[in-house]
Every structure is written in structure tokens, then in C-alpha cells.
Amino acid sequence: MNEAEMTIPHLFRCPISLDLFEDPVTLCTGQTYDRSSIEKWLAQGNLTCPVTMQKLHDPSVVPNHTLRHLIDQWLQLYPQFDQFDNSKTVDSLASLKRTLQSQESTFQNKLQALENIRLLSDEYCSFNKSCFLQLGFLPLLLGLVFGAQMSREHHHMEFIELALSCIMKLLTLDSTSEPLNMLREEPKLESFLLLLEKGSPNVKTSLCNLIDSAAASHLEDVLVMLGKSQKLINEIVHLVSQNNCEASRAAIKAISALCSLQTNRENMVIAGAIDGIMRYVSGCETREKNLAPLGMEIIEKLLVIERGKEALVNSPNGIQTLVKMVFRVSNQECSENAVDLLMMVCRESGRAREEAIEGGVLTQLLLLLQSQCNAKTKAKARMLLKLLRSKWAEKVPKQA
């Protein structure tokens, strides 16, 4: 890439043309474009902001004098950029695409092309959206990762890891994530599973993040296809317990994404997701805490299945972990979730009630009621306390 292209401040470039602003104007959405570019966009009948895709309640533009003044000052320091043709950026990206597509390109050249794409997506993420999308980089990279015959060679995995890193960055530019629909194809799904089994921790993390992206874009058909593979779900559940915080976090998010569909929850329970998540939650005291509530939300969805309740009761970390989470001054969300889950299992399981009481849940609930938690959480705590006391009272006379 030309050094000049890499040093022009990205805020000084029009998001449509990628050229240095000549006459910056601002829309009602707060986004700034070069006047000629945005006028052409509006003349074509578009009634949305090109960057945010918000509908324009007012299509008029306002000159951005402040930005124009800043650019003028900058050009006084770097006059060589005044007439610089930024269309070369598009040509350079097109060249990178040809390098990746060509069978004659060496492995090192393709690896360098991926590195350049990764750097460019970092540098210009906010405004070269149209360029990356128009050139079709996302479907190209997805095809390279999931379309080629898999290999266990180290250099091949290096390519896959870097390509997936680029894919994750480019997905932030594509609000639809439509290219991910190719994962519904059986050969692509097989490649996905093979990478999840044999890939490096970074590869596995990226694959879990892809699943999360598919859910965020409401690609239910993709989630259904992925959820049908018990082998794939087993691999993701296994990843939760690995000594890799980033991979575990990504796996929790992937499980949450798959559990958004009820049809996938049975396979999740079969794979041991409840025990895996409870072990993850119990370790959140020494790790990141922010995903503990998400893990407990997943458990709540899985407890709708009867065997899910059995799995929680039978989990070595199940009831005891929930009891410990009942009183969390710094995390009221976890407290409320823990009370909800205990209510669900203690209502039907005598074993769960006994373990909870022996684990000190009554003390935890009393502490929670004396804390500054919200009224909703306190109401649930009172209900659980009443349930446990009534069940315990029924049991005492029988023992006597």
C-alpha cells in the first residue's frame, strides 16, 4: 500500500468515495460526506444514511465548516496530500482480492494480502464499508475458509486463523451478515466442524463468534443447521471448560446463540452444557464475571426440558454454585438468576432442596433480603424461602 494512503486521517475521508473531503457536509444523522458523493446518493432515490442506514427524516445537508477548517490546516502541514487520488485505495483492495483468488499466488503472498486486509479494516472501519462490501471480500474469505479441502498442516491453519480474523472484522461492516448463509451448505458445515475439532484456540474462538454473529443477524436457518450436529455442540460445550478465557467466553456466547432456538436445547443438555456452564459460573470469582448472568440465563432456558432439571441436580457444581450466587452485592442480576433457578429445581426435587439447605441457602436468602437489592429480587427470595421452609416443615414430623 502507498504510504500516503496509510497516513491520511480516516476522519478526513468521505465514507462513500474514500477520497479526501473537498466539501464536507453533514446529514441529520450526524454523518459527514463529501457534497458531490452524498448528492449523487440522494439523486439515485436513496432515502437513508449510507453509513448508519437510518431513514432520513430530513434529506437536507449542512456544510461542516469545522471539518473543512481542520482539513485546510492539515493540508498546510502536508501539502503533498492536496491532490492525492484516493481511488488508489480501491485499486489496492481490488489487487488484494485478485491475489487471494489467483491460483498462481504464493502462500506467502496470500498471507500478506490477508494481513493487509486486517490492517485496513482496523484503520478504516468506520468509512470504507461500501468498498469492502462492493468488492465482495466477506463471501470470498468465507469461501476460502470453508470451501477448500482441509489440511492439518501448520501453515494452512495459519492462513485459516488470519482469514477468520479478517472475517470477524468485516462482519462488523455488514449489518445483514447475509454471506453467513453459506454455512447451511453441507460441505461448508463439514469444514466448520472439522475446524472446530482440529483448529487452534484462536480458530475455535472465531468460529464460536461466527455463531454469535449469525444469531445477532437472525439467521435462524444457519442456527438450525449447526444445532442439528451433536458433534458440533459437543465441541462447543467442551470449549467452555478450557483454560482459555477468550475461548470460554466465545463458547458461552455461541451456546446462548444456539439456545435461542428451542429445537437446539435438547442436544445442548445431552452434550452436558448445564454441567459445563455451572463449572464456568463457579469459576467466575477468579475470572471475568460479566458472562456469569448470560450463563445462568442459558441454564434457565435448558431447565424447561425435564432432563435439564435432572442434569442440574446431578451436576457436582450445580446446586452449590447457585447457593453461592444467591447473595452477590456486586452483581444483583446473578442473585436474581440464582433465586429463579433454585425455585425451578427445588419446587420438584427433594434432593435439590436438601442440598440447597445444607449448603446454607437459608442464610444467603436472609442476607439478600437485608441487602439493597431491588423489590423484584426480594419478592422472589421470599417465595423461595417460603417454599424451602414449608417443605422442610413437612419433612421434620416424618423424621420424628
Protein backbone atom coordinates (compact mmCIF):
# COMPACT_ATOMS: atom_id res chain seq x y z
CA MET A 1 0.00 0.00 0.00
CA ASN A 2 1.17 3.54 -0.75
CA GLU A 3 2.47 5.13 2.45
CA ALA A 4 0.33 8.21 1.82
CA GLU A 5 -2.85 6.12 1.84
CA MET A 6 -1.97 4.75 5.24
CA THR A 7 -1.37 8.15 6.82
CA ILE A 8 -4.34 10.30 5.77
CA PRO A 9 -6.55 10.58 8.87
CA HIS A 10 -9.63 8.44 8.29
CA LEU A 11 -11.93 11.21 9.56
CA PHE A 12 -10.79 13.29 6.60
CA ARG A 13 -12.10 10.77 4.05
CA CYS A 14 -15.60 10.58 2.61
CA PRO A 15 -17.25 7.27 3.61
CA ILE A 16 -18.65 6.89 0.08
CA SER A 17 -15.77 7.85 -2.21
CA LEU A 18 -12.96 7.14 0.29
CA ASP A 19 -11.34 10.34 -1.05
CA LEU A 20 -10.11 13.29 0.96
CA PHE A 21 -13.05 15.62 1.69
CA GLU A 22 -13.35 18.57 -0.67
CA ASP A 23 -16.70 19.96 0.51
CA PRO A 24 -17.79 18.10 3.67
CA VAL A 25 -21.49 18.29 4.53
CA THR A 26 -23.42 16.68 7.38
CA LEU A 27 -26.76 14.86 7.29
CA CYS A 28 -29.41 14.89 10.01
CA THR A 29 -27.94 11.58 11.27
CA GLY A 30 -24.70 13.36 12.16
CA GLN A 31 -22.69 11.56 9.46
CA THR A 32 -20.48 13.67 7.19
CA TYR A 33 -19.94 13.07 3.45
CA ASP A 34 -18.43 14.90 0.55
CA ARG A 35 -21.16 17.02 -1.06
CA SER A 36 -20.81 15.52 -4.54
CA SER A 37 -20.94 11.94 -3.20
CA ILE A 38 -23.99 12.36 -0.96
CA GLU A 39 -25.88 14.38 -3.58
CA LYS A 40 -25.33 11.58 -6.07
CA TRP A 41 -26.54 9.05 -3.47
CA LEU A 42 -29.72 11.04 -2.82
CA ALA A 43 -30.31 11.66 -6.52
CA GLN A 44 -30.48 7.90 -7.04
CA GLY A 45 -33.56 7.81 -4.83
CA ASN A 46 -31.87 6.64 -1.65
CA LEU A 47 -33.56 7.98 1.48
CA THR A 48 -31.16 6.51 4.04
CA CYS A 49 -27.81 7.46 5.52
CA PRO A 50 -25.15 5.35 3.71
CA VAL A 51 -23.19 4.59 6.90
CA THR A 52 -25.93 4.10 9.52
CA MET A 53 -28.72 3.08 7.08
CA GLN A 54 -31.13 5.23 9.13
CA LYS A 55 -34.07 6.71 7.27
CA LEU A 56 -33.62 10.42 6.62
CA HIS A 57 -36.47 12.45 8.06
CA ASP A 58 -34.70 15.46 6.55
CA PRO A 59 -32.55 14.96 3.41
CA SER A 60 -31.01 18.43 3.55
CA VAL A 61 -27.27 18.81 4.22
CA VAL A 62 -25.35 21.34 6.32
CA PRO A 63 -21.79 22.43 5.47
CA ASN A 64 -19.29 21.12 8.01
CA HIS A 65 -17.11 24.20 8.32
CA THR A 66 -15.22 22.88 11.32
CA LEU A 67 -14.04 19.77 9.48
CA ARG A 68 -13.21 21.81 6.38
CA HIS A 69 -11.09 24.14 8.54
CA LEU A 70 -9.26 21.20 10.14
CA ILE A 71 -8.52 19.69 6.74
CA ASP A 72 -7.19 23.01 5.47
CA GLN A 73 -4.90 23.28 8.46
CA TRP A 74 -3.71 19.71 7.96
CA LEU A 75 -3.03 20.32 4.27
CA GLN A 76 -0.83 23.26 5.19
CA LEU A 77 1.33 20.81 7.11
CA TYR A 78 1.15 18.09 4.45
CA PRO A 79 0.59 19.82 1.10
CA GLN A 80 1.57 16.68 -0.81
CA PHE A 81 -1.87 15.20 0.01
CA ASP A 82 -3.84 18.02 -1.53
CA GLN A 83 -4.21 16.43 -4.94
CA PHE A 84 -3.79 12.85 -3.83
CA ASP A 85 -6.09 10.46 -5.70
CA ASN A 86 -7.61 8.17 -3.10
CA SER A 87 -9.17 5.98 -5.76
CA LYS A 88 -5.87 4.13 -5.49
CA THR A 89 -7.19 2.68 -2.24
CA VAL A 90 -9.93 0.91 -4.16
CA ASP A 91 -7.41 -0.29 -6.75
CA SER A 92 -5.17 -1.62 -3.99
CA LEU A 93 -8.05 -3.51 -2.37
CA ALA A 94 -9.01 -4.96 -5.74
CA SER A 95 -5.40 -6.10 -6.15
CA LEU A 96 -5.52 -7.81 -2.75
CA LYS A 97 -8.67 -9.61 -3.81
CA ARG A 98 -7.04 -10.83 -7.03
CA THR A 99 -4.09 -12.13 -5.02
CA LEU A 100 -6.38 -14.22 -2.84
CA GLN A 101 -8.34 -15.55 -5.82
CA SER A 102 -5.38 -16.42 -8.02
CA GLN A 103 -4.11 -19.99 -8.01
CA GLU A 104 -0.74 -18.67 -9.11
CA SER A 105 -0.24 -16.55 -5.98
CA THR A 106 2.21 -17.98 -3.46
CA PHE A 107 1.13 -18.86 0.04
CA GLN A 108 3.22 -16.03 1.47
CA ASN A 109 1.63 -13.52 -0.92
CA LYS A 110 -1.83 -14.62 0.13
CA LEU A 111 -0.87 -14.45 3.78
CA GLN A 112 0.44 -10.92 3.28
CA ALA A 113 -2.78 -9.98 1.47
CA LEU A 114 -4.79 -11.14 4.48
CA GLU A 115 -2.57 -9.16 6.80
CA ASN A 116 -3.13 -6.03 4.71
CA ILE A 117 -6.90 -6.58 4.78
CA ARG A 118 -6.81 -6.96 8.55
CA LEU A 119 -4.84 -3.74 8.95
CA LEU A 120 -7.10 -1.84 6.54
CA SER A 121 -10.25 -2.99 8.30
CA ASP A 122 -8.79 -1.68 11.55
CA GLU A 123 -7.69 1.63 10.07
CA TYR A 124 -10.77 2.46 8.03
CA CYS A 125 -13.54 0.50 9.68
CA SER A 126 -15.85 3.49 10.04
CA PHE A 127 -15.97 4.65 6.47
CA ASN A 128 -14.72 2.15 3.89
CA LYS A 129 -17.72 -0.08 4.49
CA SER A 130 -19.01 0.32 0.95
CA CYS A 131 -15.63 -0.50 -0.57
CA PHE A 132 -15.18 -3.80 1.29
CA LEU A 133 -18.78 -4.82 0.68
CA GLN A 134 -18.87 -3.87 -3.01
CA LEU A 135 -15.70 -5.85 -3.69
CA GLY A 136 -17.22 -8.91 -2.02
CA PHE A 137 -14.45 -9.62 0.48
CA LEU A 138 -16.70 -11.30 3.05
CA PRO A 139 -18.10 -14.09 0.82
CA LEU A 140 -14.65 -14.52 -0.72
CA LEU A 141 -12.98 -15.12 2.64
CA LEU A 142 -15.79 -17.37 3.88
CA GLY A 143 -15.42 -19.41 0.72
CA LEU A 144 -11.66 -19.70 1.21
CA VAL A 145 -12.03 -20.83 4.82
CA PHE A 146 -14.90 -23.28 4.45
CA GLY A 147 -14.67 -24.20 0.78
CA ALA A 148 -11.13 -25.51 0.45
CA GLN A 149 -10.12 -29.04 1.33
CA MET A 150 -8.97 -29.05 4.91
CA SER A 151 -5.41 -29.73 5.90
CA ARG A 152 -3.73 -30.21 9.25
CA GLU A 153 -0.53 -28.56 8.11
CA HIS A 154 0.63 -25.70 10.31
CA HIS A 155 0.86 -23.16 7.51
CA HIS A 156 -2.70 -23.91 6.38
CA MET A 157 -4.02 -23.31 9.90
CA GLU A 158 -2.10 -20.04 9.99
CA PHE A 159 -3.97 -18.93 6.86
CA ILE A 160 -7.34 -20.02 8.30
CA GLU A 161 -6.69 -18.21 11.58
CA LEU A 162 -5.81 -14.93 9.84
CA ALA A 163 -8.70 -15.24 7.37
CA LEU A 164 -11.19 -15.78 10.21
CA SER A 165 -9.77 -12.74 11.98
CA CYS A 166 -10.49 -10.68 8.85
CA ILE A 167 -13.97 -12.19 8.54
CA MET A 168 -14.86 -11.15 12.08
CA LYS A 169 -13.76 -7.59 11.37
CA LEU A 170 -15.65 -7.43 8.08
CA LEU A 171 -18.80 -8.77 9.70
CA THR A 172 -18.96 -5.55 11.69
CA LEU A 173 -19.27 -3.72 8.36
CA ASP A 174 -22.08 -5.90 7.00
CA SER A 175 -25.24 -5.28 9.01
CA THR A 176 -27.03 -8.27 7.41
CA SER A 177 -24.29 -10.93 7.69
CA GLU A 178 -26.06 -12.49 4.69
CA PRO A 179 -22.88 -14.28 3.45
CA LEU A 180 -23.02 -16.49 6.56
CA ASN A 181 -25.97 -18.28 4.94
CA MET A 182 -23.44 -20.35 3.00
CA LEU A 183 -22.89 -22.31 6.23
CA ARG A 184 -26.20 -24.05 5.54
CA GLU A 185 -24.47 -25.96 2.74
CA GLU A 186 -23.40 -29.44 3.84
CA PRO A 187 -19.75 -29.20 2.63
CA LYS A 188 -19.32 -25.85 4.40
CA LEU A 189 -20.83 -27.29 7.57
CA GLU A 190 -18.42 -30.22 7.44
CA SER A 191 -15.48 -27.84 7.12
CA PHE A 192 -16.84 -25.80 10.02
CA LEU A 193 -17.00 -28.89 12.23
CA LEU A 194 -13.54 -30.08 11.21
CA LEU A 195 -12.05 -26.70 12.08
CA LEU A 196 -13.85 -26.72 15.41
CA GLU A 197 -12.29 -30.12 16.15
CA LYS A 198 -8.77 -29.59 14.80
CA GLY A 199 -8.29 -25.81 14.82
CA SER A 200 -6.15 -23.69 17.09
CA PRO A 201 -7.73 -21.94 20.11
CA ASN A 202 -7.94 -18.73 18.06
CA VAL A 203 -9.71 -20.55 15.23
CA LYS A 204 -12.19 -22.15 17.62
CA THR A 205 -12.84 -18.78 19.25
CA SER A 206 -13.55 -17.17 15.87
CA LEU A 207 -15.92 -19.99 14.90
CA CYS A 208 -17.89 -19.51 18.12
CA ASN A 209 -18.04 -15.78 17.40
CA LEU A 210 -19.40 -16.57 13.92
CA ILE A 211 -22.26 -18.47 15.53
CA ASP A 212 -22.94 -15.48 17.78
CA SER A 213 -22.95 -13.21 14.69
CA ALA A 214 -25.44 -15.50 12.93
CA ALA A 215 -27.80 -15.21 15.90
CA ALA A 216 -27.38 -11.43 16.08
CA SER A 217 -28.38 -11.25 12.41
CA HIS A 218 -31.38 -13.58 12.98
CA LEU A 219 -30.07 -16.23 10.57
CA GLU A 220 -32.22 -18.96 12.10
CA ASP A 221 -31.70 -21.42 9.24
CA VAL A 222 -27.96 -21.36 9.93
CA LEU A 223 -28.52 -21.91 13.66
CA VAL A 224 -30.85 -24.83 12.92
CA MET A 225 -28.27 -26.49 10.68
CA LEU A 226 -25.49 -26.02 13.24
CA GLY A 227 -27.70 -27.16 16.10
CA LYS A 228 -28.52 -30.46 14.39
CA SER A 229 -24.88 -31.54 14.69
CA GLN A 230 -24.45 -33.18 18.09
CA LYS A 231 -20.75 -33.42 17.37
CA LEU A 232 -20.50 -29.67 16.84
CA ILE A 233 -22.41 -28.91 20.04
CA ASN A 234 -20.19 -31.33 21.97
CA GLU A 235 -17.10 -29.45 20.78
CA ILE A 236 -18.51 -26.07 21.82
CA VAL A 237 -19.53 -27.34 25.25
CA HIS A 238 -16.06 -28.85 25.70
CA LEU A 239 -14.53 -25.48 24.83
CA VAL A 240 -16.29 -23.84 27.79
CA SER A 241 -14.09 -25.76 30.21
CA GLN A 242 -10.77 -24.99 28.53
CA ASN A 243 -8.14 -22.86 30.27
CA ASN A 244 -8.55 -20.10 27.73
CA CYS A 245 -10.69 -17.20 28.92
CA GLU A 246 -11.33 -15.79 25.47
CA ALA A 247 -12.30 -19.18 24.02
CA SER A 248 -14.56 -19.93 27.01
CA ARG A 249 -16.31 -16.58 26.67
CA ALA A 250 -16.85 -17.15 22.94
CA ALA A 251 -18.20 -20.65 23.63
CA ILE A 252 -20.71 -19.31 26.19
CA LYS A 253 -21.94 -16.78 23.63
CA ALA A 254 -22.20 -19.49 20.95
CA ILE A 255 -24.22 -21.72 23.29
CA SER A 256 -26.51 -18.79 24.07
CA ALA A 257 -26.94 -18.15 20.34
CA LEU A 258 -27.83 -21.77 19.62
CA CYS A 259 -30.17 -21.95 22.62
CA SER A 260 -32.16 -19.05 21.23
CA LEU A 261 -33.92 -21.78 19.24
CA GLN A 262 -35.86 -24.29 21.30
CA THR A 263 -35.07 -27.07 18.82
CA ASN A 264 -31.38 -26.92 19.79
CA ARG A 265 -31.82 -27.13 23.56
CA GLU A 266 -32.27 -30.90 23.84
CA ASN A 267 -28.93 -31.52 22.12
CA MET A 268 -27.33 -28.94 24.42
CA VAL A 269 -28.49 -30.82 27.51
CA ILE A 270 -27.30 -34.13 26.03
CA ALA A 271 -23.87 -32.59 25.42
CA GLY A 272 -23.53 -31.68 29.11
CA ALA A 273 -23.95 -27.94 28.63
CA ILE A 274 -25.50 -27.48 32.08
CA ASP A 275 -22.58 -29.00 33.96
CA GLY A 276 -20.08 -27.15 31.77
CA ILE A 277 -21.75 -23.79 32.29
CA MET A 278 -22.13 -24.31 36.04
CA ARG A 279 -18.40 -25.04 36.29
CA TYR A 280 -17.75 -21.88 34.28
CA VAL A 281 -20.02 -19.80 36.53
CA SER A 282 -18.40 -21.20 39.67
CA GLY A 283 -15.01 -20.08 38.35
CA CYS A 284 -16.16 -16.54 37.64
CA GLU A 285 -14.90 -15.41 41.05
CA THR A 286 -11.37 -15.53 39.68
CA ARG A 287 -12.26 -14.82 36.05
CA GLU A 288 -14.46 -12.36 34.24
CA LYS A 289 -17.84 -12.00 35.92
CA ASN A 290 -19.79 -10.32 33.19
CA LEU A 291 -20.77 -13.56 31.42
CA ALA A 292 -21.99 -15.31 34.57
CA PRO A 293 -25.50 -13.83 34.13
CA LEU A 294 -25.54 -14.98 30.50
CA GLY A 295 -24.54 -18.47 31.57
CA MET A 296 -27.36 -18.56 34.09
CA GLU A 297 -29.84 -17.30 31.50
CA ILE A 298 -28.84 -20.26 29.33
CA ILE A 299 -29.41 -22.65 32.24
CA GLU A 300 -32.91 -21.20 32.72
CA LYS A 301 -33.75 -21.97 29.08
CA LEU A 302 -32.42 -25.52 29.42
CA LEU A 303 -34.40 -26.19 32.59
CA VAL A 304 -37.59 -26.05 30.57
CA ILE A 305 -36.55 -29.51 29.41
CA GLU A 306 -37.21 -32.14 32.09
CA ARG A 307 -33.85 -33.82 31.68
CA GLY A 308 -32.32 -30.37 32.06
CA LYS A 309 -33.53 -30.19 35.65
CA GLU A 310 -32.10 -33.66 36.29
CA ALA A 311 -28.78 -32.56 34.82
CA LEU A 312 -28.60 -29.54 37.11
CA VAL A 313 -29.39 -31.57 40.22
CA ASN A 314 -26.85 -34.24 39.23
CA SER A 315 -24.14 -31.71 38.41
CA PRO A 316 -21.39 -31.69 41.09
CA ASN A 317 -21.25 -27.92 40.74
CA GLY A 318 -24.95 -27.31 40.27
CA ILE A 319 -26.89 -26.56 43.45
CA GLN A 320 -23.86 -25.45 45.47
CA THR A 321 -22.87 -22.91 42.83
CA LEU A 322 -26.37 -21.47 42.73
CA VAL A 323 -26.44 -21.16 46.52
CA LYS A 324 -23.17 -19.21 46.46
CA MET A 325 -24.56 -16.90 43.77
CA VAL A 326 -27.74 -16.04 45.73
CA PHE A 327 -26.11 -13.22 47.69
CA ARG A 328 -23.94 -11.14 45.37
CA VAL A 329 -23.82 -7.49 46.42
CA SER A 330 -21.81 -6.55 43.34
CA ASN A 331 -23.99 -8.49 40.91
CA GLN A 332 -27.71 -8.32 41.61
CA GLU A 333 -28.50 -9.83 38.23
CA CYS A 334 -26.71 -13.04 39.24
CA SER A 335 -28.56 -13.06 42.56
CA GLU A 336 -31.93 -12.85 40.86
CA ASN A 337 -30.99 -15.52 38.32
CA ALA A 338 -29.76 -17.85 41.05
CA VAL A 339 -33.01 -17.48 43.02
CA ASP A 340 -35.03 -18.17 39.87
CA LEU A 341 -33.08 -21.33 39.06
CA LEU A 342 -33.27 -22.66 42.62
CA MET A 343 -37.00 -22.08 42.60
CA MET A 344 -37.37 -24.10 39.41
CA VAL A 345 -35.50 -27.16 40.68
CA CYS A 346 -36.40 -27.04 44.39
CA ARG A 347 -40.11 -26.96 43.63
CA GLU A 348 -39.91 -30.51 42.21
CA SER A 349 -36.74 -32.08 43.63
CA GLY A 350 -36.36 -33.04 47.28
CA ARG A 351 -32.69 -33.74 46.68
CA ALA A 352 -32.20 -30.21 45.37
CA ARG A 353 -33.93 -28.76 48.43
CA GLU A 354 -31.77 -30.77 50.80
CA GLU A 355 -28.54 -29.79 49.05
CA ALA A 356 -29.56 -26.15 48.98
CA ILE A 357 -30.43 -26.07 52.70
CA GLU A 358 -27.28 -27.96 53.66
CA GLY A 359 -25.31 -25.54 51.51
CA GLY A 360 -26.59 -22.57 53.51
CA VAL A 361 -29.20 -21.17 51.16
CA LEU A 362 -31.43 -20.00 54.03
CA THR A 363 -28.67 -17.75 55.36
CA GLN A 364 -27.94 -16.49 51.85
CA LEU A 365 -31.59 -15.62 51.29
CA LEU A 366 -31.85 -13.75 54.60
CA LEU A 367 -28.73 -11.75 53.72
CA LEU A 368 -30.22 -10.97 50.33
CA LEU A 369 -33.43 -9.72 51.91
CA GLN A 370 -31.43 -7.37 54.13
CA SER A 371 -29.40 -6.01 51.23
CA GLN A 372 -30.12 -3.10 48.87
CA CYS A 373 -31.33 -5.34 46.03
CA ASN A 374 -34.45 -4.37 44.09
CA ALA A 375 -38.00 -5.23 45.14
CA LYS A 376 -38.40 -7.84 42.41
CA THR A 377 -35.41 -9.83 43.61
CA LYS A 378 -36.58 -9.62 47.23
CA ALA A 379 -40.03 -10.87 46.27
CA LYS A 380 -38.51 -13.90 44.56
CA ALA A 381 -36.23 -14.51 47.56
CA ARG A 382 -39.25 -14.54 49.89
CA MET A 383 -41.02 -17.03 47.64
CA LEU A 384 -38.03 -19.38 47.65
CA LEU A 385 -37.61 -19.01 51.41
CA LYS A 386 -41.28 -19.84 51.94
CA LEU A 387 -41.03 -22.88 49.66
CA LEU A 388 -37.96 -24.27 51.43
CA ARG A 389 -39.39 -23.69 54.90
CA SER A 390 -42.70 -25.35 54.05
CA LYS A 391 -41.03 -28.37 52.50
CA TRP A 392 -38.63 -28.64 55.42
CA ALA A 393 -41.53 -28.46 57.88
CA GLU A 394 -43.29 -31.29 56.05
CA LYS A 395 -40.20 -33.43 56.35
CA VAL A 396 -39.39 -32.89 60.05
CA PRO A 397 -42.51 -34.60 61.50
CA LYS A 398 -41.91 -37.63 59.32
CA GLN A 399 -38.36 -37.94 60.61
CA ALA A 400 -39.57 -37.52 64.20
